[in-house]
């Protein structure tokens, strides 16, 4: 399974997981904003280092760009694509690896080809 940021932050044990590098980036944005102690940063690093990391390959980048571009093209004027760049990369990682996205929110439920599973 490919892990979205929401799951990495809420972390559940016992499920085989892989963490996309985009999720690592998003988690560390949060660390930079709110982790005020060395212990908080160390705990985050321990969680992230306990799972395999999926690098963002050129193929994933292309797929994410196409996915976001197609959604932008399909959106009505003044309407956004419904997902951000980070979610597009996570979705593309899932598509590339033919794995579902496990997330605590519904961001991935309306992306064609992506199987979305929730844990909440």
C-alpha atoms as a PDB file:
ATOM      1  CA  UNK A   1       0.000   0.000   0.000  1.00  0.00           C
ATOM      2  CA  UNK A   2       1.060   3.552  -0.676  1.00  0.00           C
ATOM      3  CA  UNK A   3       0.724   5.805   2.362  1.00  0.00           C
ATOM      4  CA  UNK A   4      -0.673   9.332   2.242  1.00  0.00           C
ATOM      5  CA  UNK A   5       0.558  11.977   4.680  1.00  0.00           C
ATOM      6  CA  UNK A   6      -2.581  11.716   6.821  1.00  0.00           C
ATOM      7  CA  UNK A   7      -1.844   8.058   7.522  1.00  0.00           C
ATOM      8  CA  UNK A   8       1.843   8.603   8.165  1.00  0.00           C
ATOM      9  CA  UNK A   9       0.885  11.137  10.813  1.00  0.00           C
ATOM     10  CA  UNK A  10      -1.757   8.924  12.422  1.00  0.00           C
ATOM     11  CA  UNK A  11       0.259   5.721  11.889  1.00  0.00           C
ATOM     12  CA  UNK A  12      -1.375   2.376  12.371  1.00  0.00           C
ATOM     13  CA  UNK A  13       0.692  -0.760  12.913  1.00  0.00           C
ATOM     14  CA  UNK A  14       0.529  -4.119  11.165  1.00  0.00           C
ATOM     15  CA  UNK A  15      -0.183  -3.101   7.545  1.00  0.00           C
ATOM     16  CA  UNK A  16       2.530  -3.533   4.904  1.00  0.00           C
ATOM     17  CA  UNK A  17       3.311   0.015   3.880  1.00  0.00           C
ATOM     18  CA  UNK A  18       5.518   2.032   1.567  1.00  0.00           C
ATOM     19  CA  UNK A  19       5.965   5.761   2.007  1.00  0.00           C
ATOM     20  CA  UNK A  20       6.291   7.947  -1.115  1.00  0.00           C
ATOM     21  CA  UNK A  21       9.023  10.573  -0.995  1.00  0.00           C
ATOM     22  CA  UNK A  22       6.303  13.225  -1.447  1.00  0.00           C
ATOM     23  CA  UNK A  23       4.759  12.110   1.847  1.00  0.00           C
ATOM     24  CA  UNK A  24       8.154  12.503   3.514  1.00  0.00           C
ATOM     25  CA  UNK A  25       8.344  16.058   2.153  1.00  0.00           C
ATOM     26  CA  UNK A  26       4.854  16.871   3.423  1.00  0.00           C
ATOM     27  CA  UNK A  27       5.576  15.402   6.859  1.00  0.00           C
ATOM     28  CA  UNK A  28       8.780  17.437   7.163  1.00  0.00           C
ATOM     29  CA  UNK A  29       6.907  20.617   6.262  1.00  0.00           C
ATOM     30  CA  UNK A  30       4.860  19.909   9.369  1.00  0.00           C
ATOM     31  CA  UNK A  31       7.973  19.135  11.381  1.00  0.00           C
ATOM     32  CA  UNK A  32       9.437  22.474  10.363  1.00  0.00           C
ATOM     33  CA  UNK A  33       6.257  24.294  11.343  1.00  0.00           C
ATOM     34  CA  UNK A  34       5.341  22.602  14.620  1.00  0.00           C
ATOM     35  CA  UNK A  35       8.029  20.257  15.949  1.00  0.00           C
ATOM     36  CA  UNK A  36       9.549  22.333  18.678  1.00  0.00           C
ATOM     37  CA  UNK A  37      11.683  19.683  20.357  1.00  0.00           C
ATOM     38  CA  UNK A  38      14.414  17.356  19.258  1.00  0.00           C
ATOM     39  CA  UNK A  39      12.309  14.467  20.601  1.00  0.00           C
ATOM     40  CA  UNK A  40       9.406  15.314  18.268  1.00  0.00           C
ATOM     41  CA  UNK A  41      11.760  15.376  15.291  1.00  0.00           C
ATOM     42  CA  UNK A  42      13.444  12.129  16.373  1.00  0.00           C
ATOM     43  CA  UNK A  43      10.048  10.412  16.747  1.00  0.00           C
ATOM     44  CA  UNK A  44       9.033  11.506  13.236  1.00  0.00           C
ATOM     45  CA  UNK A  45      12.316  10.243  11.807  1.00  0.00           C
ATOM     46  CA  UNK A  46      11.886   6.902  13.590  1.00  0.00           C
ATOM     47  CA  UNK A  47       8.397   6.446  12.145  1.00  0.00           C
ATOM     48  CA  UNK A  48       9.463   7.333   8.605  1.00  0.00           C
ATOM     49  CA  UNK A  49      12.626   5.238   8.697  1.00  0.00           C
ATOM     50  CA  UNK A  50      10.705   2.138   9.760  1.00  0.00           C
ATOM     51  CA  UNK A  51       9.012   1.808   6.342  1.00  0.00           C
ATOM     52  CA  UNK A  52      10.377   1.460   2.832  1.00  0.00           C
ATOM     53  CA  UNK A  53      10.622   4.708   0.901  1.00  0.00           C
ATOM     54  CA  UNK A  54       9.364   4.962  -2.680  1.00  0.00           C
ATOM     55  CA  UNK A  55      11.450   7.489  -4.605  1.00  0.00           C
ATOM     56  CA  UNK A  56       9.753   9.808  -7.061  1.00  0.00           C
ATOM     57  CA  UNK A  57      10.990   8.495 -10.376  1.00  0.00           C
ATOM     58  CA  UNK A  58      10.760  10.323 -13.711  1.00  0.00           C
ATOM     59  CA  UNK A  59       7.890   7.983 -14.606  1.00  0.00           C
ATOM     60  CA  UNK A  60       5.974   8.907 -11.441  1.00  0.00           C
ATOM     61  CA  UNK A  61       6.653  12.598 -12.113  1.00  0.00           C
ATOM     62  CA  UNK A  62       5.290  12.311 -15.654  1.00  0.00           C
ATOM     63  CA  UNK A  63       2.223  10.412 -14.488  1.00  0.00           C
ATOM     64  CA  UNK A  64       1.524  12.945 -11.721  1.00  0.00           C
ATOM     65  CA  UNK A  65       1.903  15.844 -14.141  1.00  0.00           C
ATOM     66  CA  UNK A  66      -0.466  14.263 -16.653  1.00  0.00           C
ATOM     67  CA  UNK A  67      -2.968  13.431 -13.938  1.00  0.00           C
ATOM     68  CA  UNK A  68      -2.972  16.975 -12.591  1.00  0.00           C
ATOM     69  CA  UNK A  69      -3.006  18.520 -16.078  1.00  0.00           C
ATOM     70  CA  UNK A  70      -5.928  16.370 -17.217  1.00  0.00           C
ATOM     71  CA  UNK A  71      -7.904  17.276 -14.103  1.00  0.00           C
ATOM     72  CA  UNK A  72      -7.148  20.961 -14.695  1.00  0.00           C
ATOM     73  CA  UNK A  73      -8.299  20.655 -18.319  1.00  0.00           C
ATOM     74  CA  UNK A  74     -11.539  18.958 -17.238  1.00  0.00           C
ATOM     75  CA  UNK A  75     -12.337  21.527 -14.527  1.00  0.00           C
ATOM     76  CA  UNK A  76     -14.890  24.226 -15.201  1.00  0.00           C
ATOM     77  CA  UNK A  77     -13.630  27.801 -15.383  1.00  0.00           C
ATOM     78  CA  UNK A  78     -12.776  29.118 -11.925  1.00  0.00           C
ATOM     79  CA  UNK A  79     -12.723  25.603 -10.502  1.00  0.00           C
ATOM     80  CA  UNK A  80      -9.534  23.888  -9.390  1.00  0.00           C
ATOM     81  CA  UNK A  81      -8.403  20.360 -10.217  1.00  0.00           C
ATOM     82  CA  UNK A  82      -9.672  18.984  -6.894  1.00  0.00           C
ATOM     83  CA  UNK A  83      -6.240  17.736  -5.821  1.00  0.00           C
ATOM     84  CA  UNK A  84      -2.936  19.386  -5.144  1.00  0.00           C
ATOM     85  CA  UNK A  85       0.492  18.556  -6.497  1.00  0.00           C
ATOM     86  CA  UNK A  86       1.361  16.424  -3.479  1.00  0.00           C
ATOM     87  CA  UNK A  87      -1.747  14.278  -3.795  1.00  0.00           C
ATOM     88  CA  UNK A  88      -1.144  13.951  -7.539  1.00  0.00           C
ATOM     89  CA  UNK A  89       2.320  12.535  -6.804  1.00  0.00           C
ATOM     90  CA  UNK A  90       0.983  10.132  -4.169  1.00  0.00           C
ATOM     91  CA  UNK A  91      -1.761   8.995  -6.585  1.00  0.00           C
ATOM     92  CA  UNK A  92       0.769   8.555  -9.387  1.00  0.00           C
ATOM     93  CA  UNK A  93       2.980   6.505  -7.061  1.00  0.00           C
ATOM     94  CA  UNK A  94       0.039   4.231  -6.295  1.00  0.00           C
ATOM     95  CA  UNK A  95      -0.810   3.898  -9.991  1.00  0.00           C
ATOM     96  CA  UNK A  96       2.814   3.208 -10.897  1.00  0.00           C
ATOM     97  CA  UNK A  97       3.090   0.455  -8.288  1.00  0.00           C
ATOM     98  CA  UNK A  98      -0.479  -0.830  -8.806  1.00  0.00           C
ATOM     99  CA  UNK A  99      -1.208  -0.439  -5.101  1.00  0.00           C
ATOM    100  CA  UNK A 100      -4.042   1.254  -3.203  1.00  0.00           C
ATOM    101  CA  UNK A 101      -3.616   4.518  -1.314  1.00  0.00           C
ATOM    102  CA  UNK A 102      -4.359   4.307   2.379  1.00  0.00           C
ATOM    103  CA  UNK A 103      -5.493   7.674   3.721  1.00  0.00           C
ATOM    104  CA  UNK A 104      -7.565   9.136   6.491  1.00  0.00           C
ATOM    105  CA  UNK A 105      -9.314  11.561   4.155  1.00  0.00           C
ATOM    106  CA  UNK A 106     -11.206  11.279   0.879  1.00  0.00           C
ATOM    107  CA  UNK A 107      -8.747  13.058  -1.432  1.00  0.00           C
ATOM    108  CA  UNK A 108      -8.073   9.954  -3.495  1.00  0.00           C
ATOM    109  CA  UNK A 109     -11.598   8.593  -3.839  1.00  0.00           C
ATOM    110  CA  UNK A 110     -12.301  10.467  -7.066  1.00  0.00           C
ATOM    111  CA  UNK A 111      -9.052   9.839  -8.945  1.00  0.00           C
ATOM    112  CA  UNK A 112      -9.597   7.441 -11.843  1.00  0.00           C
ATOM    113  CA  UNK A 113      -7.676   4.202 -11.480  1.00  0.00           C
ATOM    114  CA  UNK A 114      -6.669   4.792  -7.861  1.00  0.00           C
ATOM    115  CA  UNK A 115      -8.029   2.430  -5.267  1.00  0.00           C
ATOM    116  CA  UNK A 116      -8.566   4.375  -2.063  1.00  0.00           C
ATOM    117  CA  UNK A 117      -8.772   2.706   1.329  1.00  0.00           C
ATOM    118  CA  UNK A 118      -9.448   4.529   4.556  1.00  0.00           C
ATOM    119  CA  UNK A 119      -8.516   3.611   8.093  1.00  0.00           C
ATOM    120  CA  UNK A 120     -10.822   6.066   9.903  1.00  0.00           C
END
